[in-house]
Amino acid sequence: MNDIRNTPSVPAHRLSDAPWRTSTRSQTSNCVEVAPLGTGPSAVALRDSKDRGGPVLLFNRAGWLGFIAGAKKGQFDLT
């Protein structure tokens, strides 16, 4: 089971220069942006594209792969 409750977050301004990307599959109301962070304890940053100044979730490589696997399985679906 994947769990993101303990995923660290940072203020968005600390990652303003990150190479943010939006999925080509994003819809107008359900968009997230992802930024690879390179090496270090956090490998990937994730934010809501509708709130670019809001919180940013940070994932290490294993956490990111677990999050993607859970999303594909519908684990985080609200319906």
PDB file of N, CA and C in Angstrom:
ATOM      1  N   MET A   1       0.846  -1.185   0.000  1.00  0.00           N
ATOM      2  CA  MET A   1       0.000   0.000   0.000  1.00  0.00           C
ATOM      3  C   MET A   1       0.887   1.243   0.000  1.00  0.00           C
ATOM      4  N   ASN A   2       0.508   2.213  -0.779  1.00  0.00           N
ATOM      5  CA  ASN A   2       1.249   3.474  -0.855  1.00  0.00           C
ATOM      6  C   ASN A   2       0.614   4.481   0.091  1.00  0.00           C
ATOM      7  N   ASP A   3       1.444   5.293   0.691  1.00  0.00           N
ATOM      8  CA  ASP A   3       0.961   6.279   1.649  1.00  0.00           C
ATOM      9  C   ASP A   3       1.776   7.551   1.485  1.00  0.00           C
ATOM     10  N   ILE A   4       1.112   8.687   1.248  1.00  0.00           N
ATOM     11  CA  ILE A   4       1.855   9.934   1.056  1.00  0.00           C
ATOM     12  C   ILE A   4       1.678  10.899   2.218  1.00  0.00           C
ATOM     13  N   ARG A   5       1.086  10.457   3.334  1.00  0.00           N
ATOM     14  CA  ARG A   5       0.856  11.360   4.464  1.00  0.00           C
ATOM     15  C   ARG A   5       2.144  11.976   4.991  1.00  0.00           C
ATOM     16  N   ASN A   6       3.244  11.265   4.938  1.00  0.00           N
ATOM     17  CA  ASN A   6       4.493  11.774   5.485  1.00  0.00           C
ATOM     18  C   ASN A   6       5.418  12.363   4.428  1.00  0.00           C
ATOM     19  N   THR A   7       4.887  12.652   3.254  1.00  0.00           N
ATOM     20  CA  THR A   7       5.682  13.245   2.196  1.00  0.00           C
ATOM     21  C   THR A   7       6.001  14.691   2.565  1.00  0.00           C
ATOM     22  N   PRO A   8       7.267  15.058   2.550  1.00  0.00           N
ATOM     23  CA  PRO A   8       7.614  16.436   2.906  1.00  0.00           C
ATOM     24  C   PRO A   8       7.123  17.439   1.864  1.00  0.00           C
ATOM     25  N   SER A   9       6.902  18.644   2.293  1.00  0.00           N
ATOM     26  CA  SER A   9       6.537  19.708   1.363  1.00  0.00           C
ATOM     27  C   SER A   9       7.412  20.916   1.647  1.00  0.00           C
ATOM     28  N   VAL A  10       7.476  21.806   0.673  1.00  0.00           N
ATOM     29  CA  VAL A  10       8.251  23.035   0.809  1.00  0.00           C
ATOM     30  C   VAL A  10       7.440  24.179   0.234  1.00  0.00           C
ATOM     31  N   PRO A  11       7.732  25.407   0.624  1.00  0.00           N
ATOM     32  CA  PRO A  11       7.075  26.555  -0.005  1.00  0.00           C
ATOM     33  C   PRO A  11       7.462  26.623  -1.489  1.00  0.00           C
ATOM     34  N   ALA A  12       6.516  26.988  -2.316  1.00  0.00           N
ATOM     35  CA  ALA A  12       6.728  27.015  -3.755  1.00  0.00           C
ATOM     36  C   ALA A  12       7.871  27.929  -4.178  1.00  0.00           C
ATOM     37  N   HIS A  13       8.070  29.040  -3.482  1.00  0.00           N
ATOM     38  CA  HIS A  13       9.109  29.991  -3.913  1.00  0.00           C
ATOM     39  C   HIS A  13      10.511  29.375  -3.872  1.00  0.00           C
ATOM     40  N   ARG A  14      10.706  28.344  -3.069  1.00  0.00           N
ATOM     41  CA  ARG A  14      12.020  27.697  -2.998  1.00  0.00           C
ATOM     42  C   ARG A  14      12.327  26.871  -4.250  1.00  0.00           C
ATOM     43  N   LEU A  15      11.303  26.586  -5.067  1.00  0.00           N
ATOM     44  CA  LEU A  15      11.498  25.798  -6.285  1.00  0.00           C
ATOM     45  C   LEU A  15      11.074  26.569  -7.535  1.00  0.00           C
ATOM     46  N   SER A  16      11.128  27.895  -7.470  1.00  0.00           N
ATOM     47  CA  SER A  16      10.657  28.710  -8.595  1.00  0.00           C
ATOM     48  C   SER A  16      11.470  28.479  -9.867  1.00  0.00           C
ATOM     49  N   ASP A  17      12.726  28.054  -9.740  1.00  0.00           N
ATOM     50  CA  ASP A  17      13.557  27.815 -10.918  1.00  0.00           C
ATOM     51  C   ASP A  17      13.540  26.362 -11.385  1.00  0.00           C
ATOM     52  N   ALA A  18      12.736  25.528 -10.748  1.00  0.00           N
ATOM     53  CA  ALA A  18      12.672  24.114 -11.130  1.00  0.00           C
ATOM     54  C   ALA A  18      12.064  23.980 -12.533  1.00  0.00           C
ATOM     55  N   PRO A  19      12.452  22.952 -13.282  1.00  0.00           N
ATOM     56  CA  PRO A  19      11.919  22.750 -14.643  1.00  0.00           C
ATOM     57  C   PRO A  19      10.545  22.072 -14.628  1.00  0.00           C
ATOM     58  N   TRP A  20       9.515  22.820 -14.279  1.00  0.00           N
ATOM     59  CA  TRP A  20       8.161  22.273 -14.143  1.00  0.00           C
ATOM     60  C   TRP A  20       7.601  21.834 -15.488  1.00  0.00           C
ATOM     61  N   ARG A  21       6.902  20.694 -15.476  1.00  0.00           N
ATOM     62  CA  ARG A  21       6.243  20.165 -16.681  1.00  0.00           C
ATOM     63  C   ARG A  21       4.818  19.764 -16.335  1.00  0.00           C
ATOM     64  N   THR A  22       3.911  20.005 -17.265  1.00  0.00           N
ATOM     65  CA  THR A  22       2.530  19.564 -17.132  1.00  0.00           C
ATOM     66  C   THR A  22       2.315  18.427 -18.105  1.00  0.00           C
ATOM     67  N   SER A  23       1.629  17.393 -17.673  1.00  0.00           N
ATOM     68  CA  SER A  23       1.365  16.247 -18.532  1.00  0.00           C
ATOM     69  C   SER A  23       0.530  16.655 -19.738  1.00  0.00           C
ATOM     70  N   THR A  24       0.801  16.043 -20.859  1.00  0.00           N
ATOM     71  CA  THR A  24      -0.021  16.282 -22.051  1.00  0.00           C
ATOM     72  C   THR A  24      -1.408  15.677 -21.874  1.00  0.00           C
ATOM     73  N   ARG A  25      -1.592  14.821 -20.881  1.00  0.00           N
ATOM     74  CA  ARG A  25      -2.892  14.210 -20.612  1.00  0.00           C
ATOM     75  C   ARG A  25      -3.708  15.012 -19.596  1.00  0.00           C
ATOM     76  N   SER A  26      -3.166  16.109 -19.114  1.00  0.00           N
ATOM     77  CA  SER A  26      -3.872  16.927 -18.123  1.00  0.00           C
ATOM     78  C   SER A  26      -5.139  17.510 -18.716  1.00  0.00           C
ATOM     79  N   GLN A  27      -6.117  17.671 -17.845  1.00  0.00           N
ATOM     80  CA  GLN A  27      -7.377  18.292 -18.226  1.00  0.00           C
ATOM     81  C   GLN A  27      -7.423  19.674 -17.592  1.00  0.00           C
ATOM     82  N   THR A  28      -8.416  20.463 -17.954  1.00  0.00           N
ATOM     83  CA  THR A  28      -8.459  21.835 -17.464  1.00  0.00           C
ATOM     84  C   THR A  28      -8.611  21.931 -15.958  1.00  0.00           C
ATOM     85  N   SER A  29      -9.272  20.975 -15.308  1.00  0.00           N
ATOM     86  CA  SER A  29      -9.491  21.086 -13.869  1.00  0.00           C
ATOM     87  C   SER A  29      -8.681  20.090 -13.044  1.00  0.00           C
ATOM     88  N   ASN A  30      -7.964  19.186 -13.682  1.00  0.00           N
ATOM     89  CA  ASN A  30      -7.225  18.150 -12.951  1.00  0.00           C
ATOM     90  C   ASN A  30      -5.768  18.116 -13.376  1.00  0.00           C
ATOM     91  N   CYS A  31      -5.053  19.181 -13.134  1.00  0.00           N
ATOM     92  CA  CYS A  31      -3.669  19.253 -13.601  1.00  0.00           C
ATOM     93  C   CYS A  31      -2.687  19.300 -12.446  1.00  0.00           C
ATOM     94  N   VAL A  32      -1.608  18.576 -12.616  1.00  0.00           N
ATOM     95  CA  VAL A  32      -0.482  18.681 -11.704  1.00  0.00           C
ATOM     96  C   VAL A  32       0.752  18.945 -12.540  1.00  0.00           C
ATOM     97  N   GLU A  33       1.756  19.506 -11.898  1.00  0.00           N
ATOM     98  CA  GLU A  33       3.035  19.747 -12.558  1.00  0.00           C
ATOM     99  C   GLU A  33       4.121  18.998 -11.795  1.00  0.00           C
ATOM    100  N   VAL A  34       5.069  18.491 -12.535  1.00  0.00           N
ATOM    101  CA  VAL A  34       6.157  17.690 -11.979  1.00  0.00           C
ATOM    102  C   VAL A  34       7.477  18.331 -12.375  1.00  0.00           C
ATOM    103  N   ALA A  35       8.437  18.303 -11.462  1.00  0.00           N
ATOM    104  CA  ALA A  35       9.776  18.812 -11.764  1.00  0.00           C
ATOM    105  C   ALA A  35      10.814  17.828 -11.238  1.00  0.00           C
ATOM    106  N   PRO A  36      11.666  17.322 -12.123  1.00  0.00           N
ATOM    107  CA  PRO A  36      12.775  16.501 -11.635  1.00  0.00           C
ATOM    108  C   PRO A  36      13.778  17.412 -10.933  1.00  0.00           C
ATOM    109  N   LEU A  37      14.311  16.945  -9.815  1.00  0.00           N
ATOM    110  CA  LEU A  37      15.219  17.776  -9.029  1.00  0.00           C
ATOM    111  C   LEU A  37      16.659  17.298  -9.084  1.00  0.00           C
ATOM    112  N   GLY A  38      16.930  16.264  -9.842  1.00  0.00           N
ATOM    113  CA  GLY A  38      18.304  15.774  -9.954  1.00  0.00           C
ATOM    114  C   GLY A  38      18.691  14.905  -8.783  1.00  0.00           C
ATOM    115  N   THR A  39      19.884  15.085  -8.304  1.00  0.00           N
ATOM    116  CA  THR A  39      20.376  14.254  -7.218  1.00  0.00           C
ATOM    117  C   THR A  39      20.018  14.864  -5.869  1.00  0.00           C
ATOM    118  N   GLY A  40      20.166  14.096  -4.829  1.00  0.00           N
ATOM    119  CA  GLY A  40      19.851  14.573  -3.490  1.00  0.00           C
ATOM    120  C   GLY A  40      18.731  13.757  -2.890  1.00  0.00           C
ATOM    121  N   PRO A  41      18.314  14.103  -1.681  1.00  0.00           N
ATOM    122  CA  PRO A  41      17.282  13.317  -1.003  1.00  0.00           C
ATOM    123  C   PRO A  41      15.915  13.408  -1.684  1.00  0.00           C
ATOM    124  N   SER A  42      15.625  14.505  -2.351  1.00  0.00           N
ATOM    125  CA  SER A  42      14.360  14.645  -3.078  1.00  0.00           C
ATOM    126  C   SER A  42      14.646  14.623  -4.564  1.00  0.00           C
ATOM    127  N   ALA A  43      14.002  13.707  -5.261  1.00  0.00           N
ATOM    128  CA  ALA A  43      14.258  13.537  -6.677  1.00  0.00           C
ATOM    129  C   ALA A  43      13.191  14.175  -7.561  1.00  0.00           C
ATOM    130  N   VAL A  44      11.963  14.324  -7.023  1.00  0.00           N
ATOM    131  CA  VAL A  44      10.848  14.828  -7.820  1.00  0.00           C
ATOM    132  C   VAL A  44       9.994  15.754  -6.958  1.00  0.00           C
ATOM    133  N   ALA A  45       9.548  16.847  -7.555  1.00  0.00           N
ATOM    134  CA  ALA A  45       8.619  17.768  -6.895  1.00  0.00           C
ATOM    135  C   ALA A  45       7.286  17.717  -7.638  1.00  0.00           C
ATOM    136  N   LEU A  46       6.197  17.874  -6.903  1.00  0.00           N
ATOM    137  CA  LEU A  46       4.854  17.800  -7.481  1.00  0.00           C
ATOM    138  C   LEU A  46       4.033  18.946  -6.921  1.00  0.00           C
ATOM    139  N   ARG A  47       3.278  19.644  -7.793  1.00  0.00           N
ATOM    140  CA  ARG A  47       2.418  20.733  -7.329  1.00  0.00           C
ATOM    141  C   ARG A  47       1.145  20.788  -8.162  1.00  0.00           C
ATOM    142  N   ASP A  48       0.163  21.483  -7.641  1.00  0.00           N
ATOM    143  CA  ASP A  48      -1.111  21.705  -8.317  1.00  0.00           C
ATOM    144  C   ASP A  48      -0.924  22.862  -9.294  1.00  0.00           C
ATOM    145  N   SER A  49      -1.229  22.642 -10.553  1.00  0.00           N
ATOM    146  CA  SER A  49      -1.015  23.694 -11.549  1.00  0.00           C
ATOM    147  C   SER A  49      -1.956  24.880 -11.361  1.00  0.00           C
ATOM    148  N   LYS A  50      -3.056  24.677 -10.649  1.00  0.00           N
ATOM    149  CA  LYS A  50      -3.986  25.777 -10.389  1.00  0.00           C
ATOM    150  C   LYS A  50      -3.547  26.618  -9.198  1.00  0.00           C
ATOM    151  N   ASP A  51      -2.563  26.126  -8.437  1.00  0.00           N
ATOM    152  CA  ASP A  51      -2.077  26.841  -7.260  1.00  0.00           C
ATOM    153  C   ASP A  51      -0.549  26.778  -7.249  1.00  0.00           C
ATOM    154  N   ARG A  52       0.070  27.403  -8.218  1.00  0.00           N
ATOM    155  CA  ARG A  52       1.526  27.334  -8.366  1.00  0.00           C
ATOM    156  C   ARG A  52       2.279  27.955  -7.204  1.00  0.00           C
ATOM    157  N   GLY A  53       1.631  28.786  -6.430  1.00  0.00           N
ATOM    158  CA  GLY A  53       2.259  29.362  -5.257  1.00  0.00           C
ATOM    159  C   GLY A  53       1.976  28.565  -3.993  1.00  0.00           C
ATOM    160  N   GLY A  54       1.236  27.480  -4.132  1.00  0.00           N
ATOM    161  CA  GLY A  54       0.876  26.654  -2.980  1.00  0.00           C
ATOM    162  C   GLY A  54       1.960  25.651  -2.638  1.00  0.00           C
ATOM    163  N   PRO A  55       1.630  24.696  -1.786  1.00  0.00           N
ATOM    164  CA  PRO A  55       2.630  23.733  -1.331  1.00  0.00           C
ATOM    165  C   PRO A  55       3.125  22.831  -2.458  1.00  0.00           C
ATOM    166  N   VAL A  56       4.325  22.333  -2.288  1.00  0.00           N
ATOM    167  CA  VAL A  56       4.962  21.428  -3.238  1.00  0.00           C
ATOM    168  C   VAL A  56       5.324  20.154  -2.481  1.00  0.00           C
ATOM    169  N   LEU A  57       4.907  19.013  -3.000  1.00  0.00           N
ATOM    170  CA  LEU A  57       5.281  17.738  -2.396  1.00  0.00           C
ATOM    171  C   LEU A  57       6.614  17.287  -2.961  1.00  0.00           C
ATOM    172  N   LEU A  58       7.454  16.728  -2.105  1.00  0.00           N
ATOM    173  CA  LEU A  58       8.757  16.226  -2.524  1.00  0.00           C
ATOM    174  C   LEU A  58       8.795  14.716  -2.360  1.00  0.00           C
ATOM    175  N   PHE A  59       9.348  14.035  -3.339  1.00  0.00           N
ATOM    176  CA  PHE A  59       9.435  12.580  -3.315  1.00  0.00           C
ATOM    177  C   PHE A  59      10.872  12.150  -3.577  1.00  0.00           C
ATOM    178  N   ASN A  60      11.331  11.130  -2.853  1.00  0.00           N
ATOM    179  CA  ASN A  60      12.569  10.480  -3.273  1.00  0.00           C
ATOM    180  C   ASN A  60      12.191   9.508  -4.395  1.00  0.00           C
ATOM    181  N   ARG A  61      13.161   8.869  -5.002  1.00  0.00           N
ATOM    182  CA  ARG A  61      12.861   8.008  -6.156  1.00  0.00           C
ATOM    183  C   ARG A  61      11.873   6.890  -5.817  1.00  0.00           C
ATOM    184  N   ALA A  62      12.093   6.205  -4.710  1.00  0.00           N
ATOM    185  CA  ALA A  62      11.206   5.104  -4.326  1.00  0.00           C
ATOM    186  C   ALA A  62       9.795   5.621  -4.022  1.00  0.00           C
ATOM    187  N   GLY A  63       9.701   6.758  -3.338  1.00  0.00           N
ATOM    188  CA  GLY A  63       8.399   7.335  -3.037  1.00  0.00           C
ATOM    189  C   GLY A  63       7.651   7.752  -4.291  1.00  0.00           C
ATOM    190  N   TRP A  64       8.365   8.313  -5.260  1.00  0.00           N
ATOM    191  CA  TRP A  64       7.743   8.733  -6.517  1.00  0.00           C
ATOM    192  C   TRP A  64       7.210   7.526  -7.277  1.00  0.00           C
ATOM    193  N   LEU A  65       8.010   6.466  -7.366  1.00  0.00           N
ATOM    194  CA  LEU A  65       7.561   5.261  -8.064  1.00  0.00           C
ATOM    195  C   LEU A  65       6.341   4.659  -7.372  1.00  0.00           C
ATOM    196  N   GLY A  66       6.320   4.693  -6.031  1.00  0.00           N
ATOM    197  CA  GLY A  66       5.156   4.212  -5.289  1.00  0.00           C
ATOM    198  C   GLY A  66       3.932   5.072  -5.523  1.00  0.00           C
ATOM    199  N   PHE A  67       4.118   6.389  -5.578  1.00  0.00           N
ATOM    200  CA  PHE A  67       3.005   7.300  -5.842  1.00  0.00           C
ATOM    201  C   PHE A  67       2.419   7.050  -7.231  1.00  0.00           C
ATOM    202  N   ILE A  68       3.283   6.911  -8.235  1.00  0.00           N
ATOM    203  CA  ILE A  68       2.804   6.644  -9.598  1.00  0.00           C
ATOM    204  C   ILE A  68       2.047   5.314  -9.653  1.00  0.00           C
ATOM    205  N   ALA A  69       2.583   4.283  -9.007  1.00  0.00           N
ATOM    206  CA  ALA A  69       1.905   2.980  -8.998  1.00  0.00           C
ATOM    207  C   ALA A  69       0.527   3.091  -8.345  1.00  0.00           C
ATOM    208  N   GLY A  70       0.448   3.822  -7.219  1.00  0.00           N
ATOM    209  CA  GLY A  70      -0.833   4.007  -6.550  1.00  0.00           C
ATOM    210  C   GLY A  70      -1.814   4.804  -7.391  1.00  0.00           C
ATOM    211  N   ALA A  71      -1.344   5.836  -8.076  1.00  0.00           N
ATOM    212  CA  ALA A  71      -2.214   6.637  -8.939  1.00  0.00           C
ATOM    213  C   ALA A  71      -2.765   5.792 -10.090  1.00  0.00           C
ATOM    214  N   LYS A  72      -1.929   4.955 -10.674  1.00  0.00           N
ATOM    215  CA  LYS A  72      -2.382   4.095 -11.771  1.00  0.00           C
ATOM    216  C   LYS A  72      -3.443   3.098 -11.305  1.00  0.00           C
ATOM    217  N   LYS A  73      -3.347   2.674 -10.047  1.00  0.00           N
ATOM    218  CA  LYS A  73      -4.315   1.729  -9.489  1.00  0.00           C
ATOM    219  C   LYS A  73      -5.575   2.421  -8.979  1.00  0.00           C
ATOM    220  N   GLY A  74      -5.610   3.747  -9.012  1.00  0.00           N
ATOM    221  CA  GLY A  74      -6.766   4.493  -8.552  1.00  0.00           C
ATOM    222  C   GLY A  74      -6.808   4.688  -7.041  1.00  0.00           C
ATOM    223  N   GLN A  75      -5.704   4.458  -6.370  1.00  0.00           N
ATOM    224  CA  GLN A  75      -5.656   4.532  -4.916  1.00  0.00           C
ATOM    225  C   GLN A  75      -6.008   5.919  -4.382  1.00  0.00           C
ATOM    226  N   PHE A  76      -5.729   6.962  -5.137  1.00  0.00           N
ATOM    227  CA  PHE A  76      -5.964   8.320  -4.669  1.00  0.00           C
ATOM    228  C   PHE A  76      -7.215   8.966  -5.273  1.00  0.00           C
ATOM    229  N   ASP A  77      -7.999   8.182  -6.010  1.00  0.00           N
ATOM    230  CA  ASP A  77      -9.223   8.721  -6.610  1.00  0.00           C
ATOM    231  C   ASP A  77     -10.190   9.150  -5.523  1.00  0.00           C
ATOM    232  N   LEU A  78     -10.867  10.252  -5.743  1.00  0.00           N
ATOM    233  CA  LEU A  78     -11.803  10.779  -4.759  1.00  0.00           C
ATOM    234  C   LEU A  78     -13.201  10.190  -4.926  1.00  0.00           C
ATOM    235  N   THR A  79     -13.470   9.557  -6.027  1.00  0.00           N
ATOM    236  CA  THR A  79     -14.814   9.004  -6.246  1.00  0.00           C
ATOM    237  C   THR A  79     -14.858   7.528  -6.030  1.00  0.00           C
TER     238      THR A  79
END
